[in-house]
Amino acid sequence: ADLRNRVAMIEPGRKVNFILSRDGKRKNI
């Protein structure tokens, strides 16, 4: 719900940085 609300409030075209876990390893996208 937090992600849904925050993304919805962002103006289209803006860049955002995500830190994620993929197969146990952290990545920046």
PDB file of all heavy atoms in Angstrom:
ATOM      1  N   ALA A   1       0.825  -1.210   0.000  1.00  0.00           N
ATOM      2  CA  ALA A   1       0.000   0.000   0.000  1.00  0.00           C
ATOM      3  C   ALA A   1       0.856   1.255   0.000  1.00  0.00           C
ATOM      4  O   ALA A   1       0.527   2.247  -0.660  1.00  0.00           O
ATOM      5  CB  ALA A   1      -0.933  -0.009   1.213  1.00  0.00           C
ATOM      6  N   ASP A   2       1.971   1.215   0.717  1.00  0.00           N
ATOM      7  CA  ASP A   2       2.884   2.358   0.764  1.00  0.00           C
ATOM      8  C   ASP A   2       3.452   2.637  -0.624  1.00  0.00           C
ATOM      9  O   ASP A   2       3.482   3.784  -1.087  1.00  0.00           O
ATOM     10  CB  ASP A   2       4.007   2.065   1.761  1.00  0.00           C
ATOM     11  CG  ASP A   2       4.986   3.218   1.904  1.00  0.00           C
ATOM     12  OD1 ASP A   2       4.558   4.380   1.761  1.00  0.00           O
ATOM     13  OD2 ASP A   2       6.171   2.963   2.162  1.00  0.00           O
ATOM     14  N   LEU A   3       3.914   1.591  -1.316  1.00  0.00           N
ATOM     15  CA  LEU A   3       4.447   1.764  -2.661  1.00  0.00           C
ATOM     16  C   LEU A   3       3.374   2.296  -3.606  1.00  0.00           C
ATOM     17  O   LEU A   3       3.613   3.223  -4.390  1.00  0.00           O
ATOM     18  CB  LEU A   3       4.992   0.433  -3.185  1.00  0.00           C
ATOM     19  CG  LEU A   3       5.474   0.441  -4.648  1.00  0.00           C
ATOM     20  CD1 LEU A   3       6.683   1.352  -4.813  1.00  0.00           C
ATOM     21  CD2 LEU A   3       5.788  -0.972  -5.120  1.00  0.00           C
ATOM     22  N   ARG A   4       2.192   1.726  -3.534  1.00  0.00           N
ATOM     23  CA  ARG A   4       1.087   2.144  -4.420  1.00  0.00           C
ATOM     24  C   ARG A   4       0.772   3.621  -4.236  1.00  0.00           C
ATOM     25  O   ARG A   4       0.630   4.374  -5.205  1.00  0.00           O
ATOM     26  CB  ARG A   4      -0.150   1.292  -4.136  1.00  0.00           C
ATOM     27  CG  ARG A   4      -1.317   1.551  -5.074  1.00  0.00           C
ATOM     28  CD  ARG A   4      -2.539   0.749  -4.682  1.00  0.00           C
ATOM     29  NE  ARG A   4      -2.281  -0.681  -4.718  1.00  0.00           N
ATOM     30  CZ  ARG A   4      -2.267  -1.453  -3.646  1.00  0.00           C
ATOM     31  NH1 ARG A   4      -2.487  -0.935  -2.436  1.00  0.00           N
ATOM     32  NH2 ARG A   4      -2.043  -2.735  -3.750  1.00  0.00           N
ATOM     33  N   ASN A   5       0.666   4.057  -2.992  1.00  0.00           N
ATOM     34  CA  ASN A   5       0.333   5.459  -2.718  1.00  0.00           C
ATOM     35  C   ASN A   5       1.439   6.400  -3.188  1.00  0.00           C
ATOM     36  O   ASN A   5       1.170   7.451  -3.780  1.00  0.00           O
ATOM     37  CB  ASN A   5       0.093   5.663  -1.221  1.00  0.00           C
ATOM     38  CG  ASN A   5      -1.185   5.012  -0.735  1.00  0.00           C
ATOM     39  OD1 ASN A   5      -2.107   4.771  -1.513  1.00  0.00           O
ATOM     40  ND2 ASN A   5      -1.252   4.715   0.552  1.00  0.00           N
ATOM     41  N   ARG A   6       2.684   6.028  -2.923  1.00  0.00           N
ATOM     42  CA  ARG A   6       3.795   6.920  -3.243  1.00  0.00           C
ATOM     43  C   ARG A   6       4.004   7.045  -4.746  1.00  0.00           C
ATOM     44  O   ARG A   6       4.254   8.143  -5.269  1.00  0.00           O
ATOM     45  CB  ARG A   6       5.060   6.455  -2.542  1.00  0.00           C
ATOM     46  CG  ARG A   6       5.014   6.741  -1.038  1.00  0.00           C
ATOM     47  CD  ARG A   6       6.089   6.014  -0.266  1.00  0.00           C
ATOM     48  NE  ARG A   6       7.429   6.360  -0.707  1.00  0.00           N
ATOM     49  CZ  ARG A   6       8.529   5.823  -0.203  1.00  0.00           C
ATOM     50  NH1 ARG A   6       8.439   4.921   0.757  1.00  0.00           N
ATOM     51  NH2 ARG A   6       9.714   6.185  -0.644  1.00  0.00           N
ATOM     52  N   VAL A   7       3.888   5.943  -5.462  1.00  0.00           N
ATOM     53  CA  VAL A   7       4.035   5.995  -6.923  1.00  0.00           C
ATOM     54  C   VAL A   7       2.903   6.809  -7.542  1.00  0.00           C
ATOM     55  O   VAL A   7       3.109   7.602  -8.463  1.00  0.00           O
ATOM     56  CB  VAL A   7       4.080   4.575  -7.521  1.00  0.00           C
ATOM     57  CG1 VAL A   7       3.956   4.623  -9.044  1.00  0.00           C
ATOM     58  CG2 VAL A   7       5.369   3.866  -7.125  1.00  0.00           C
ATOM     59  N   ALA A   8       1.689   6.631  -7.027  1.00  0.00           N
ATOM     60  CA  ALA A   8       0.534   7.335  -7.572  1.00  0.00           C
ATOM     61  C   ALA A   8       0.673   8.845  -7.449  1.00  0.00           C
ATOM     62  O   ALA A   8       0.156   9.597  -8.278  1.00  0.00           O
ATOM     63  CB  ALA A   8      -0.745   6.879  -6.874  1.00  0.00           C
ATOM     64  N   MET A   9       1.372   9.319  -6.427  1.00  0.00           N
ATOM     65  CA  MET A   9       1.521  10.751  -6.200  1.00  0.00           C
ATOM     66  C   MET A   9       2.664  11.371  -6.998  1.00  0.00           C
ATOM     67  O   MET A   9       2.862  12.581  -6.973  1.00  0.00           O
ATOM     68  CB  MET A   9       1.753  11.013  -4.711  1.00  0.00           C
ATOM     69  CG  MET A   9       0.550  10.724  -3.825  1.00  0.00           C
ATOM     70  SD  MET A   9      -0.857  11.820  -4.178  1.00  0.00           S
ATOM     71  CE  MET A   9      -1.969  10.667  -5.032  1.00  0.00           C
ATOM     72  N   ILE A  10       3.428  10.548  -7.720  1.00  0.00           N
ATOM     73  CA  ILE A  10       4.581  11.054  -8.478  1.00  0.00           C
ATOM     74  C   ILE A  10       4.144  11.514  -9.868  1.00  0.00           C
ATOM     75  O   ILE A  10       3.372  10.832 -10.554  1.00  0.00           O
ATOM     76  CB  ILE A  10       5.668   9.976  -8.592  1.00  0.00           C
ATOM     77  CG1 ILE A  10       6.252   9.661  -7.204  1.00  0.00           C
ATOM     78  CG2 ILE A  10       6.778  10.402  -9.544  1.00  0.00           C
ATOM     79  CD1 ILE A  10       7.244   8.533  -7.208  1.00  0.00           C
ATOM     80  N   GLU A  11       4.648  12.643 -10.282  1.00  0.00           N
ATOM     81  CA  GLU A  11       4.329  13.177 -11.603  1.00  0.00           C
ATOM     82  C   GLU A  11       4.953  12.289 -12.673  1.00  0.00           C
ATOM     83  O   GLU A  11       6.141  11.969 -12.614  1.00  0.00           O
ATOM     84  CB  GLU A  11       4.871  14.600 -11.728  1.00  0.00           C
ATOM     85  CG  GLU A  11       4.549  15.267 -13.050  1.00  0.00           C
ATOM     86  CD  GLU A  11       5.114  16.665 -13.132  1.00  0.00           C
ATOM     87  OE1 GLU A  11       5.704  17.125 -12.125  1.00  0.00           O
ATOM     88  OE2 GLU A  11       4.975  17.299 -14.189  1.00  0.00           O
ATOM     89  N   PRO A  12       4.164  11.843 -13.657  1.00  0.00           N
ATOM     90  CA  PRO A  12       4.718  11.018 -14.742  1.00  0.00           C
ATOM     91  C   PRO A  12       5.902  11.704 -15.413  1.00  0.00           C
ATOM     92  O   PRO A  12       5.911  12.914 -15.636  1.00  0.00           O
ATOM     93  CB  PRO A  12       3.530  10.886 -15.713  1.00  0.00           C
ATOM     94  CG  PRO A  12       2.323  11.020 -14.842  1.00  0.00           C
ATOM     95  CD  PRO A  12       2.702  12.026 -13.793  1.00  0.00           C
ATOM     96  N   GLY A  13       6.932  10.910 -15.709  1.00  0.00           N
ATOM     97  CA  GLY A  13       8.144  11.436 -16.319  1.00  0.00           C
ATOM     98  C   GLY A  13       9.286  11.608 -15.346  1.00  0.00           C
ATOM     99  O   GLY A  13      10.445  11.766 -15.760  1.00  0.00           O
ATOM    100  N   ARG A  14       8.981  11.563 -14.053  1.00  0.00           N
ATOM    101  CA  ARG A  14      10.036  11.722 -13.060  1.00  0.00           C
ATOM    102  C   ARG A  14      10.775  10.407 -12.837  1.00  0.00           C
ATOM    103  O   ARG A  14      10.173   9.329 -12.877  1.00  0.00           O
ATOM    104  CB  ARG A  14       9.445  12.201 -11.731  1.00  0.00           C
ATOM    105  CG  ARG A  14      10.481  12.744 -10.766  1.00  0.00           C
ATOM    106  CD  ARG A  14       9.874  13.099  -9.437  1.00  0.00           C
ATOM    107  NE  ARG A  14      10.453  12.293  -8.368  1.00  0.00           N
ATOM    108  CZ  ARG A  14       9.942  12.175  -7.151  1.00  0.00           C
ATOM    109  NH1 ARG A  14       8.829  12.790  -6.854  1.00  0.00           N
ATOM    110  NH2 ARG A  14      10.534  11.442  -6.253  1.00  0.00           N
ATOM    111  N   LYS A  15      12.072  10.493 -12.578  1.00  0.00           N
ATOM    112  CA  LYS A  15      12.876   9.293 -12.321  1.00  0.00           C
ATOM    113  C   LYS A  15      12.943   9.023 -10.818  1.00  0.00           C
ATOM    114  O   LYS A  15      13.113   9.950 -10.023  1.00  0.00           O
ATOM    115  CB  LYS A  15      14.291   9.466 -12.873  1.00  0.00           C
ATOM    116  CG  LYS A  15      14.353   9.611 -14.383  1.00  0.00           C
ATOM    117  CD  LYS A  15      15.792   9.732 -14.847  1.00  0.00           C
ATOM    118  CE  LYS A  15      15.865  10.005 -16.347  1.00  0.00           C
ATOM    119  NZ  LYS A  15      15.337   8.884 -17.141  1.00  0.00           N
ATOM    120  N   VAL A  16      12.805   7.753 -10.439  1.00  0.00           N
ATOM    121  CA  VAL A  16      12.930   7.359  -9.040  1.00  0.00           C
ATOM    122  C   VAL A  16      13.929   6.208  -8.944  1.00  0.00           C
ATOM    123  O   VAL A  16      14.078   5.416  -9.880  1.00  0.00           O
ATOM    124  CB  VAL A  16      11.579   6.939  -8.420  1.00  0.00           C
ATOM    125  CG1 VAL A  16      10.601   8.096  -8.415  1.00  0.00           C
ATOM    126  CG2 VAL A  16      10.976   5.757  -9.158  1.00  0.00           C
ATOM    127  N   ASN A  17      14.605   6.135  -7.816  1.00  0.00           N
ATOM    128  CA  ASN A  17      15.626   5.119  -7.604  1.00  0.00           C
ATOM    129  C   ASN A  17      15.133   4.056  -6.629  1.00  0.00           C
ATOM    130  O   ASN A  17      14.730   4.373  -5.506  1.00  0.00           O
ATOM    131  CB  ASN A  17      16.901   5.756  -7.057  1.00  0.00           C
ATOM    132  CG  ASN A  17      18.004   4.726  -6.863  1.00  0.00           C
ATOM    133  OD1 ASN A  17      18.462   4.121  -7.822  1.00  0.00           O
ATOM    134  ND2 ASN A  17      18.421   4.526  -5.632  1.00  0.00           N
ATOM    135  N   PHE A  18      15.151   2.811  -7.056  1.00  0.00           N
ATOM    136  CA  PHE A  18      14.747   1.692  -6.205  1.00  0.00           C
ATOM    137  C   PHE A  18      15.970   0.868  -5.807  1.00  0.00           C
ATOM    138  O   PHE A  18      16.849   0.598  -6.636  1.00  0.00           O
ATOM    139  CB  PHE A  18      13.764   0.772  -6.931  1.00  0.00           C
ATOM    140  CG  PHE A  18      12.386   1.339  -7.089  1.00  0.00           C
ATOM    141  CD1 PHE A  18      11.974   1.852  -8.315  1.00  0.00           C
ATOM    142  CD2 PHE A  18      11.498   1.361  -6.027  1.00  0.00           C
ATOM    143  CE1 PHE A  18      10.709   2.373  -8.467  1.00  0.00           C
ATOM    144  CE2 PHE A  18      10.228   1.881  -6.170  1.00  0.00           C
ATOM    145  CZ  PHE A  18       9.829   2.392  -7.400  1.00  0.00           C
ATOM    146  N   ILE A  19      16.017   0.475  -4.539  1.00  0.00           N
ATOM    147  CA  ILE A  19      16.937  -0.566  -4.089  1.00  0.00           C
ATOM    148  C   ILE A  19      16.109  -1.825  -3.918  1.00  0.00           C
ATOM    149  O   ILE A  19      15.051  -1.798  -3.271  1.00  0.00           O
ATOM    150  CB  ILE A  19      17.632  -0.186  -2.771  1.00  0.00           C
ATOM    151  CG1 ILE A  19      18.539   1.036  -2.983  1.00  0.00           C
ATOM    152  CG2 ILE A  19      18.446  -1.357  -2.236  1.00  0.00           C
ATOM    153  CD1 ILE A  19      19.225   1.517  -1.731  1.00  0.00           C
ATOM    154  N   LEU A  20      16.559  -2.930  -4.514  1.00  0.00           N
ATOM    155  CA  LEU A  20      15.777  -4.157  -4.500  1.00  0.00           C
ATOM    156  C   LEU A  20      16.660  -5.347  -4.207  1.00  0.00           C
ATOM    157  O   LEU A  20      17.895  -5.273  -4.270  1.00  0.00           O
ATOM    158  CB  LEU A  20      15.037  -4.331  -5.830  1.00  0.00           C
ATOM    159  CG  LEU A  20      15.892  -4.388  -7.107  1.00  0.00           C
ATOM    160  CD1 LEU A  20      16.299  -5.825  -7.425  1.00  0.00           C
ATOM    161  CD2 LEU A  20      15.140  -3.788  -8.275  1.00  0.00           C
ATOM    162  N   SER A  21      16.003  -6.445  -3.876  1.00  0.00           N
ATOM    163  CA  SER A  21      16.692  -7.720  -3.685  1.00  0.00           C
ATOM    164  C   SER A  21      16.275  -8.659  -4.804  1.00  0.00           C
ATOM    165  O   SER A  21      15.081  -8.866  -5.036  1.00  0.00           O
ATOM    166  CB  SER A  21      16.325  -8.314  -2.319  1.00  0.00           C
ATOM    167  OG  SER A  21      16.885  -9.603  -2.172  1.00  0.00           O
ATOM    168  N   ARG A  22      17.287  -9.201  -5.500  1.00  0.00           N
ATOM    169  CA  ARG A  22      17.018 -10.162  -6.577  1.00  0.00           C
ATOM    170  C   ARG A  22      17.924 -11.374  -6.366  1.00  0.00           C
ATOM    171  O   ARG A  22      19.143 -11.256  -6.366  1.00  0.00           O
ATOM    172  CB  ARG A  22      17.279  -9.538  -7.946  1.00  0.00           C
ATOM    173  CG  ARG A  22      17.057 -10.485  -9.116  1.00  0.00           C
ATOM    174  CD  ARG A  22      17.380  -9.810 -10.437  1.00  0.00           C
ATOM    175  NE  ARG A  22      16.455  -8.720 -10.720  1.00  0.00           N
ATOM    176  CZ  ARG A  22      16.629  -7.841 -11.710  1.00  0.00           C
ATOM    177  NH1 ARG A  22      17.697  -7.927 -12.486  1.00  0.00           N
ATOM    178  NH2 ARG A  22      15.737  -6.883 -11.907  1.00  0.00           N
ATOM    179  N   ASP A  23      17.294 -12.517  -6.135  1.00  0.00           N
ATOM    180  CA  ASP A  23      18.043 -13.754  -5.864  1.00  0.00           C
ATOM    181  C   ASP A  23      19.013 -13.574  -4.702  1.00  0.00           C
ATOM    182  O   ASP A  23      20.150 -14.065  -4.712  1.00  0.00           O
ATOM    183  CB  ASP A  23      18.807 -14.205  -7.112  1.00  0.00           C
ATOM    184  CG  ASP A  23      17.891 -14.539  -8.268  1.00  0.00           C
ATOM    185  OD1 ASP A  23      16.791 -15.067  -8.010  1.00  0.00           O
ATOM    186  OD2 ASP A  23      18.249 -14.246  -9.423  1.00  0.00           O
ATOM    187  N   GLY A  24      18.571 -12.818  -3.692  1.00  0.00           N
ATOM    188  CA  GLY A  24      19.371 -12.631  -2.494  1.00  0.00           C
ATOM    189  C   GLY A  24      20.432 -11.554  -2.594  1.00  0.00           C
ATOM    190  O   GLY A  24      21.151 -11.311  -1.625  1.00  0.00           O
ATOM    191  N   LYS A  25      20.550 -10.883  -3.758  1.00  0.00           N
ATOM    192  CA  LYS A  25      21.554  -9.839  -3.943  1.00  0.00           C
ATOM    193  C   LYS A  25      20.869  -8.495  -4.147  1.00  0.00           C
ATOM    194  O   LYS A  25      19.835  -8.407  -4.796  1.00  0.00           O
ATOM    195  CB  LYS A  25      22.443 -10.156  -5.151  1.00  0.00           C
ATOM    196  CG  LYS A  25      23.223 -11.458  -4.998  1.00  0.00           C
ATOM    197  CD  LYS A  25      24.038 -11.740  -6.240  1.00  0.00           C
ATOM    198  CE  LYS A  25      24.804 -13.066  -6.097  1.00  0.00           C
ATOM    199  NZ  LYS A  25      25.585 -13.382  -7.313  1.00  0.00           N
ATOM    200  N   ARG A  26      21.486  -7.442  -3.617  1.00  0.00           N
ATOM    201  CA  ARG A  26      20.915  -6.095  -3.730  1.00  0.00           C
ATOM    202  C   ARG A  26      21.322  -5.442  -5.039  1.00  0.00           C
ATOM    203  O   ARG A  26      22.450  -5.580  -5.504  1.00  0.00           O
ATOM    204  CB  ARG A  26      21.348  -5.225  -2.553  1.00  0.00           C
ATOM    205  CG  ARG A  26      20.755  -5.683  -1.235  1.00  0.00           C
ATOM    206  CD  ARG A  26      20.663  -4.558  -0.246  1.00  0.00           C
ATOM    207  NE  ARG A  26      19.867  -4.949   0.917  1.00  0.00           N
ATOM    208  CZ  ARG A  26      19.336  -4.109   1.775  1.00  0.00           C
ATOM    209  NH1 ARG A  26      19.503  -2.810   1.602  1.00  0.00           N
ATOM    210  NH2 ARG A  26      18.643  -4.534   2.807  1.00  0.00           N
ATOM    211  N   LYS A  27      20.361  -4.696  -5.610  1.00  0.00           N
ATOM    212  CA  LYS A  27      20.614  -3.987  -6.855  1.00  0.00           C
ATOM    213  C   LYS A  27      19.996  -2.599  -6.766  1.00  0.00           C
ATOM    214  O   LYS A  27      19.054  -2.368  -6.004  1.00  0.00           O
ATOM    215  CB  LYS A  27      19.998  -4.731  -8.053  1.00  0.00           C
ATOM    216  CG  LYS A  27      20.686  -6.028  -8.413  1.00  0.00           C
ATOM    217  CD  LYS A  27      20.006  -6.688  -9.592  1.00  0.00           C
ATOM    218  CE  LYS A  27      20.112  -5.880 -10.859  1.00  0.00           C
ATOM    219  NZ  LYS A  27      21.476  -5.899 -11.429  1.00  0.00           N
ATOM    220  N   ASN A  28      20.491  -1.693  -7.596  1.00  0.00           N
ATOM    221  CA  ASN A  28      19.963  -0.348  -7.759  1.00  0.00           C
ATOM    222  C   ASN A  28      19.347  -0.241  -9.145  1.00  0.00           C
ATOM    223  O   ASN A  28      20.021  -0.539 -10.134  1.00  0.00           O
ATOM    224  CB  ASN A  28      21.082   0.687  -7.650  1.00  0.00           C
ATOM    225  CG  ASN A  28      20.975   1.526  -6.404  1.00  0.00           C
ATOM    226  OD1 ASN A  28      20.251   1.181  -5.490  1.00  0.00           O
ATOM    227  ND2 ASN A  28      21.708   2.623  -6.377  1.00  0.00           N
ATOM    228  N   ILE A  29      18.089   0.196  -9.245  1.00  0.00           N
ATOM    229  CA  ILE A  29      17.475   0.379 -10.565  1.00  0.00           C
ATOM    230  C   ILE A  29      16.711   1.701 -10.568  1.00  0.00           C
ATOM    231  O   ILE A  29      15.936   1.982  -9.651  1.00  0.00           O
ATOM    232  CB  ILE A  29      16.527  -0.787 -10.919  1.00  0.00           C
ATOM    233  CG1 ILE A  29      17.352  -2.051 -11.207  1.00  0.00           C
ATOM    234  CG2 ILE A  29      15.640  -0.443 -12.115  1.00  0.00           C
ATOM    235  CD1 ILE A  29      16.539  -3.234 -11.683  1.00  0.00           C
TER     236      ILE A  29
END
